[in-house]
Amino acid sequence: MDAERRRSPRFGCHLPVRLFPQGEAKIVQTLTKDLSAGGLRCLSPVPKAVSTVLTLELDLGQGTEPLNLRANVAWFRQVPESEQFYLGMAFQDLEPRTRERLSRYLAALTPA
C-alpha cells in the first residue's frame, strides 16, 4: 500500500474553479472534488500532463473575491466509466494573504 505523501489534510468540497492553462486560449470551468492548504483535485474534460503549470481562479463563495493561484499538475486519472479526468494539483508560490484566506476557509471546514 502506498504511504500518504500529502502534507495537509484534504477536505471534500465542490467549489467552482476556473483553469487557465499557460499558452492556451481555452479556459476550463469546473468543480473541485477536494481541497487542502497544499493543493486540490478537480474534474477536467481533458487530461493535463504532469508538471503542467496552470493559473487557477478558486471561488470560495461567501461574497468574497476568488483566490488567484498557480499550481502544477501532480497527477491525472480518468474518471471510471466517464470521459472526464481528475487532476491533482499542487499550489505554487502562494502569497501570504492568499495562504491566510485559504487557511481560514479550511479551518471552517474542520469539525470542532
N, C-alpha and C. Protein backbone atom coordinates (compact mmCIF):
# COMPACT_ATOMS: atom_id res chain seq x y z
N MET A 1 0.85 -1.19 0.00
CA MET A 1 0.00 0.00 0.00
C MET A 1 0.89 1.24 0.00
N ASP A 2 0.49 2.24 -0.76
CA ASP A 2 1.26 3.48 -0.84
C ASP A 2 1.11 4.29 0.44
N ALA A 3 2.19 4.88 0.88
CA ALA A 3 2.15 5.76 2.05
C ALA A 3 1.58 7.10 1.65
N GLU A 4 0.83 7.71 2.53
CA GLU A 4 0.28 9.04 2.28
C GLU A 4 1.42 10.05 2.19
N ARG A 5 1.44 10.82 1.08
CA ARG A 5 2.52 11.77 0.87
C ARG A 5 2.09 13.22 1.07
N ARG A 6 0.81 13.44 1.28
CA ARG A 6 0.34 14.81 1.44
C ARG A 6 0.77 15.39 2.78
N ARG A 7 1.09 16.67 2.74
CA ARG A 7 1.49 17.36 3.98
C ARG A 7 0.28 17.93 4.71
N SER A 8 -0.82 18.14 3.97
CA SER A 8 -2.01 18.77 4.54
C SER A 8 -3.22 17.88 4.32
N PRO A 9 -4.13 17.81 5.28
CA PRO A 9 -5.34 17.01 5.08
C PRO A 9 -6.22 17.63 3.99
N ARG A 10 -6.90 16.78 3.26
CA ARG A 10 -7.82 17.23 2.22
C ARG A 10 -9.24 17.16 2.74
N PHE A 11 -10.05 18.12 2.28
CA PHE A 11 -11.45 18.19 2.66
C PHE A 11 -12.29 18.10 1.39
N GLY A 12 -13.26 17.21 1.41
CA GLY A 12 -14.17 17.09 0.28
C GLY A 12 -15.01 18.36 0.16
N CYS A 13 -14.98 18.97 -0.99
CA CYS A 13 -15.81 20.16 -1.23
C CYS A 13 -15.93 20.37 -2.74
N HIS A 14 -17.04 20.94 -3.12
CA HIS A 14 -17.34 21.17 -4.54
C HIS A 14 -17.44 22.66 -4.77
N LEU A 15 -16.30 23.26 -5.10
CA LEU A 15 -16.22 24.70 -5.32
C LEU A 15 -15.96 24.98 -6.80
N PRO A 16 -16.54 26.05 -7.33
CA PRO A 16 -16.23 26.42 -8.71
C PRO A 16 -14.76 26.83 -8.84
N VAL A 17 -14.14 26.34 -9.88
CA VAL A 17 -12.74 26.69 -10.17
C VAL A 17 -12.59 26.85 -11.68
N ARG A 18 -11.83 27.86 -12.06
CA ARG A 18 -11.52 28.08 -13.47
C ARG A 18 -10.03 27.82 -13.67
N LEU A 19 -9.72 27.03 -14.69
CA LEU A 19 -8.34 26.67 -15.00
C LEU A 19 -7.90 27.44 -16.24
N PHE A 20 -6.77 28.10 -16.13
CA PHE A 20 -6.20 28.86 -17.23
C PHE A 20 -4.85 28.23 -17.59
N PRO A 21 -4.84 27.25 -18.51
CA PRO A 21 -3.56 26.64 -18.89
C PRO A 21 -2.68 27.66 -19.61
N GLN A 22 -1.41 27.72 -19.25
CA GLN A 22 -0.49 28.67 -19.89
C GLN A 22 -0.33 28.32 -21.35
N GLY A 23 -0.39 29.34 -22.19
CA GLY A 23 -0.22 29.15 -23.62
C GLY A 23 -1.44 28.63 -24.35
N GLU A 24 -2.57 28.50 -23.67
CA GLU A 24 -3.80 28.03 -24.29
C GLU A 24 -4.89 29.07 -24.12
N ALA A 25 -5.73 29.19 -25.13
CA ALA A 25 -6.82 30.16 -25.08
C ALA A 25 -8.04 29.61 -24.34
N LYS A 26 -8.20 28.29 -24.30
CA LYS A 26 -9.39 27.69 -23.71
C LYS A 26 -9.31 27.71 -22.18
N ILE A 27 -10.35 28.22 -21.55
CA ILE A 27 -10.49 28.24 -20.10
C ILE A 27 -11.42 27.08 -19.72
N VAL A 28 -11.03 26.32 -18.73
CA VAL A 28 -11.84 25.21 -18.25
C VAL A 28 -12.56 25.65 -16.98
N GLN A 29 -13.88 25.60 -17.00
CA GLN A 29 -14.68 25.89 -15.81
C GLN A 29 -15.18 24.57 -15.26
N THR A 30 -14.88 24.30 -13.99
CA THR A 30 -15.19 23.00 -13.42
C THR A 30 -15.42 23.12 -11.92
N LEU A 31 -15.40 21.99 -11.22
CA LEU A 31 -15.60 21.96 -9.77
C LEU A 31 -14.47 21.19 -9.11
N THR A 32 -14.12 21.63 -7.90
CA THR A 32 -13.17 20.87 -7.11
C THR A 32 -13.87 19.62 -6.58
N LYS A 33 -13.09 18.62 -6.26
CA LYS A 33 -13.59 17.43 -5.57
C LYS A 33 -13.08 17.43 -4.13
N ASP A 34 -11.87 17.95 -3.93
CA ASP A 34 -11.35 18.14 -2.59
C ASP A 34 -10.31 19.24 -2.61
N LEU A 35 -9.98 19.73 -1.41
CA LEU A 35 -9.13 20.90 -1.27
C LEU A 35 -8.29 20.78 -0.01
N SER A 36 -7.05 21.26 -0.07
CA SER A 36 -6.18 21.32 1.10
C SER A 36 -5.37 22.60 1.02
N ALA A 37 -4.55 22.84 2.03
CA ALA A 37 -3.67 24.01 2.02
C ALA A 37 -2.60 23.89 0.95
N GLY A 38 -2.34 22.67 0.48
CA GLY A 38 -1.28 22.47 -0.49
C GLY A 38 -1.72 22.20 -1.91
N GLY A 39 -3.04 21.98 -2.11
CA GLY A 39 -3.49 21.68 -3.47
C GLY A 39 -4.95 21.31 -3.52
N LEU A 40 -5.36 20.81 -4.68
CA LEU A 40 -6.75 20.42 -4.87
C LEU A 40 -6.85 19.33 -5.92
N ARG A 41 -8.03 18.71 -5.95
CA ARG A 41 -8.38 17.77 -7.01
C ARG A 41 -9.64 18.31 -7.66
N CYS A 42 -9.66 18.30 -8.99
CA CYS A 42 -10.84 18.79 -9.70
C CYS A 42 -11.10 17.91 -10.92
N LEU A 43 -12.24 18.14 -11.53
CA LEU A 43 -12.60 17.47 -12.77
C LEU A 43 -12.08 18.28 -13.96
N SER A 44 -11.82 17.59 -15.06
CA SER A 44 -11.40 18.26 -16.28
C SER A 44 -11.88 17.44 -17.47
N PRO A 45 -12.32 18.12 -18.54
CA PRO A 45 -12.72 17.38 -19.74
C PRO A 45 -11.52 16.83 -20.51
N VAL A 46 -10.33 17.32 -20.20
CA VAL A 46 -9.12 16.87 -20.89
C VAL A 46 -8.02 16.61 -19.85
N PRO A 47 -7.15 15.62 -20.14
CA PRO A 47 -6.03 15.41 -19.22
C PRO A 47 -5.01 16.52 -19.41
N LYS A 48 -4.22 16.75 -18.40
CA LYS A 48 -3.09 17.69 -18.47
C LYS A 48 -1.86 16.93 -18.01
N ALA A 49 -0.78 17.12 -18.71
CA ALA A 49 0.46 16.41 -18.39
C ALA A 49 0.97 16.79 -17.01
N VAL A 50 1.59 15.83 -16.33
CA VAL A 50 2.22 16.10 -15.05
C VAL A 50 3.23 17.23 -15.24
N SER A 51 3.28 18.14 -14.28
CA SER A 51 4.14 19.33 -14.26
C SER A 51 3.62 20.49 -15.09
N THR A 52 2.46 20.33 -15.74
CA THR A 52 1.85 21.45 -16.45
C THR A 52 1.52 22.55 -15.45
N VAL A 53 1.87 23.79 -15.77
CA VAL A 53 1.59 24.92 -14.90
C VAL A 53 0.24 25.51 -15.30
N LEU A 54 -0.62 25.72 -14.31
CA LEU A 54 -1.93 26.32 -14.53
C LEU A 54 -2.11 27.50 -13.59
N THR A 55 -2.84 28.49 -14.05
CA THR A 55 -3.33 29.54 -13.18
C THR A 55 -4.77 29.17 -12.85
N LEU A 56 -5.15 29.29 -11.58
CA LEU A 56 -6.48 28.91 -11.12
C LEU A 56 -7.19 30.10 -10.52
N GLU A 57 -8.48 30.11 -10.68
CA GLU A 57 -9.34 31.08 -10.00
C GLU A 57 -10.34 30.26 -9.20
N LEU A 58 -10.16 30.23 -7.88
CA LEU A 58 -10.96 29.40 -6.99
C LEU A 58 -11.98 30.26 -6.26
N ASP A 59 -13.25 29.91 -6.41
CA ASP A 59 -14.34 30.67 -5.80
C ASP A 59 -14.71 30.04 -4.46
N LEU A 60 -14.38 30.75 -3.37
CA LEU A 60 -14.71 30.26 -2.03
C LEU A 60 -16.11 30.67 -1.59
N GLY A 61 -16.83 31.39 -2.45
CA GLY A 61 -18.19 31.80 -2.10
C GLY A 61 -18.17 32.88 -1.04
N GLN A 62 -19.18 32.90 -0.21
CA GLN A 62 -19.29 33.81 0.92
C GLN A 62 -19.12 35.27 0.51
N GLY A 63 -19.47 35.62 -0.74
CA GLY A 63 -19.38 37.01 -1.18
C GLY A 63 -17.98 37.56 -1.26
N THR A 64 -16.98 36.69 -1.43
CA THR A 64 -15.59 37.13 -1.48
C THR A 64 -15.04 37.03 -2.90
N GLU A 65 -13.96 37.74 -3.13
CA GLU A 65 -13.28 37.63 -4.42
C GLU A 65 -12.66 36.25 -4.52
N PRO A 66 -12.59 35.70 -5.75
CA PRO A 66 -11.95 34.39 -5.92
C PRO A 66 -10.46 34.47 -5.57
N LEU A 67 -9.91 33.33 -5.17
CA LEU A 67 -8.47 33.23 -4.95
C LEU A 67 -7.80 33.00 -6.30
N ASN A 68 -6.74 33.73 -6.57
CA ASN A 68 -5.94 33.52 -7.77
C ASN A 68 -4.69 32.76 -7.36
N LEU A 69 -4.51 31.58 -7.96
CA LEU A 69 -3.46 30.67 -7.55
C LEU A 69 -2.69 30.16 -8.77
N ARG A 70 -1.46 29.71 -8.51
CA ARG A 70 -0.68 28.98 -9.52
C ARG A 70 -0.51 27.57 -8.99
N ALA A 71 -0.59 26.60 -9.90
CA ALA A 71 -0.44 25.21 -9.49
C ALA A 71 0.22 24.40 -10.58
N ASN A 72 0.85 23.33 -10.17
CA ASN A 72 1.41 22.34 -11.09
C ASN A 72 0.55 21.10 -11.03
N VAL A 73 0.31 20.48 -12.17
CA VAL A 73 -0.40 19.21 -12.19
C VAL A 73 0.53 18.16 -11.59
N ALA A 74 0.08 17.50 -10.53
CA ALA A 74 0.88 16.46 -9.87
C ALA A 74 0.53 15.08 -10.42
N TRP A 75 -0.72 14.91 -10.84
CA TRP A 75 -1.18 13.64 -11.41
C TRP A 75 -2.50 13.85 -12.13
N PHE A 76 -2.87 12.90 -12.98
CA PHE A 76 -4.20 12.89 -13.58
C PHE A 76 -4.64 11.44 -13.76
N ARG A 77 -5.95 11.22 -13.69
CA ARG A 77 -6.54 9.89 -13.87
C ARG A 77 -7.89 10.05 -14.54
N GLN A 78 -8.23 9.12 -15.40
CA GLN A 78 -9.56 9.15 -15.99
C GLN A 78 -10.58 8.72 -14.95
N VAL A 79 -11.71 9.44 -14.91
CA VAL A 79 -12.81 9.07 -14.03
C VAL A 79 -13.40 7.77 -14.58
N PRO A 80 -13.55 6.74 -13.75
CA PRO A 80 -14.09 5.47 -14.25
C PRO A 80 -15.44 5.65 -14.96
N GLU A 81 -15.56 4.98 -16.09
CA GLU A 81 -16.79 4.99 -16.88
C GLU A 81 -17.22 6.41 -17.28
N SER A 82 -16.25 7.24 -17.63
CA SER A 82 -16.51 8.63 -17.97
C SER A 82 -15.47 9.12 -18.98
N GLU A 83 -15.77 10.22 -19.62
CA GLU A 83 -14.80 10.85 -20.50
C GLU A 83 -14.10 12.01 -19.78
N GLN A 84 -14.35 12.16 -18.48
CA GLN A 84 -13.74 13.21 -17.66
C GLN A 84 -12.46 12.68 -17.01
N PHE A 85 -11.66 13.61 -16.51
CA PHE A 85 -10.42 13.27 -15.81
C PHE A 85 -10.39 13.98 -14.47
N TYR A 86 -9.73 13.35 -13.49
CA TYR A 86 -9.39 14.02 -12.25
C TYR A 86 -7.99 14.60 -12.43
N LEU A 87 -7.81 15.83 -12.00
CA LEU A 87 -6.49 16.45 -11.98
C LEU A 87 -6.13 16.72 -10.52
N GLY A 88 -4.98 16.24 -10.10
CA GLY A 88 -4.44 16.56 -8.78
C GLY A 88 -3.41 17.66 -8.95
N MET A 89 -3.59 18.77 -8.24
CA MET A 89 -2.71 19.92 -8.42
C MET A 89 -2.09 20.37 -7.11
N ALA A 90 -0.84 20.77 -7.19
CA ALA A 90 -0.09 21.30 -6.04
C ALA A 90 0.09 22.79 -6.22
N PHE A 91 -0.34 23.56 -5.22
CA PHE A 91 -0.20 25.02 -5.28
C PHE A 91 1.27 25.41 -5.26
N GLN A 92 1.59 26.51 -5.96
CA GLN A 92 2.95 27.01 -6.04
C GLN A 92 2.99 28.48 -5.61
N ASP A 93 3.96 28.85 -4.83
CA ASP A 93 4.24 30.26 -4.51
C ASP A 93 3.02 31.03 -4.04
N LEU A 94 2.30 30.50 -3.03
CA LEU A 94 1.15 31.22 -2.50
C LEU A 94 1.59 32.49 -1.78
N GLU A 95 0.95 33.59 -2.09
CA GLU A 95 1.23 34.83 -1.38
C GLU A 95 0.66 34.72 0.04
N PRO A 96 1.25 35.42 1.01
CA PRO A 96 0.78 35.30 2.40
C PRO A 96 -0.72 35.58 2.57
N ARG A 97 -1.23 36.59 1.89
CA ARG A 97 -2.66 36.91 2.02
C ARG A 97 -3.53 35.77 1.47
N THR A 98 -3.12 35.19 0.35
CA THR A 98 -3.85 34.08 -0.25
C THR A 98 -3.79 32.86 0.66
N ARG A 99 -2.61 32.57 1.20
CA ARG A 99 -2.45 31.43 2.12
C ARG A 99 -3.35 31.61 3.34
N GLU A 100 -3.43 32.82 3.87
CA GLU A 100 -4.27 33.11 5.05
C GLU A 100 -5.75 32.91 4.73
N ARG A 101 -6.20 33.42 3.58
CA ARG A 101 -7.61 33.25 3.20
C ARG A 101 -7.96 31.78 3.03
N LEU A 102 -7.08 31.03 2.41
CA LEU A 102 -7.30 29.61 2.21
C LEU A 102 -7.31 28.88 3.55
N SER A 103 -6.40 29.22 4.43
CA SER A 103 -6.34 28.60 5.76
C SER A 103 -7.61 28.86 6.56
N ARG A 104 -8.11 30.09 6.50
CA ARG A 104 -9.35 30.43 7.22
C ARG A 104 -10.52 29.61 6.67
N TYR A 105 -10.58 29.49 5.35
CA TYR A 105 -11.66 28.71 4.74
C TYR A 105 -11.59 27.26 5.19
N LEU A 106 -10.39 26.66 5.13
CA LEU A 106 -10.23 25.26 5.52
C LEU A 106 -10.51 25.05 7.01
N ALA A 107 -10.14 26.01 7.85
CA ALA A 107 -10.39 25.91 9.29
C ALA A 107 -11.89 25.83 9.56
N ALA A 108 -12.68 26.52 8.76
CA ALA A 108 -14.14 26.48 8.94
C ALA A 108 -14.71 25.12 8.54
N LEU A 109 -13.99 24.36 7.71
CA LEU A 109 -14.44 23.03 7.31
C LEU A 109 -14.07 21.97 8.33
N THR A 110 -13.12 22.28 9.20
CA THR A 110 -12.63 21.32 10.17
C THR A 110 -13.65 21.14 11.28
N PRO A 111 -14.07 19.90 11.54
CA PRO A 111 -15.02 19.69 12.64
C PRO A 111 -14.41 20.07 13.98
N ALA A 112 -15.22 20.64 14.84
CA ALA A 112 -14.75 21.08 16.17
C ALA A 112 -14.47 19.90 17.08
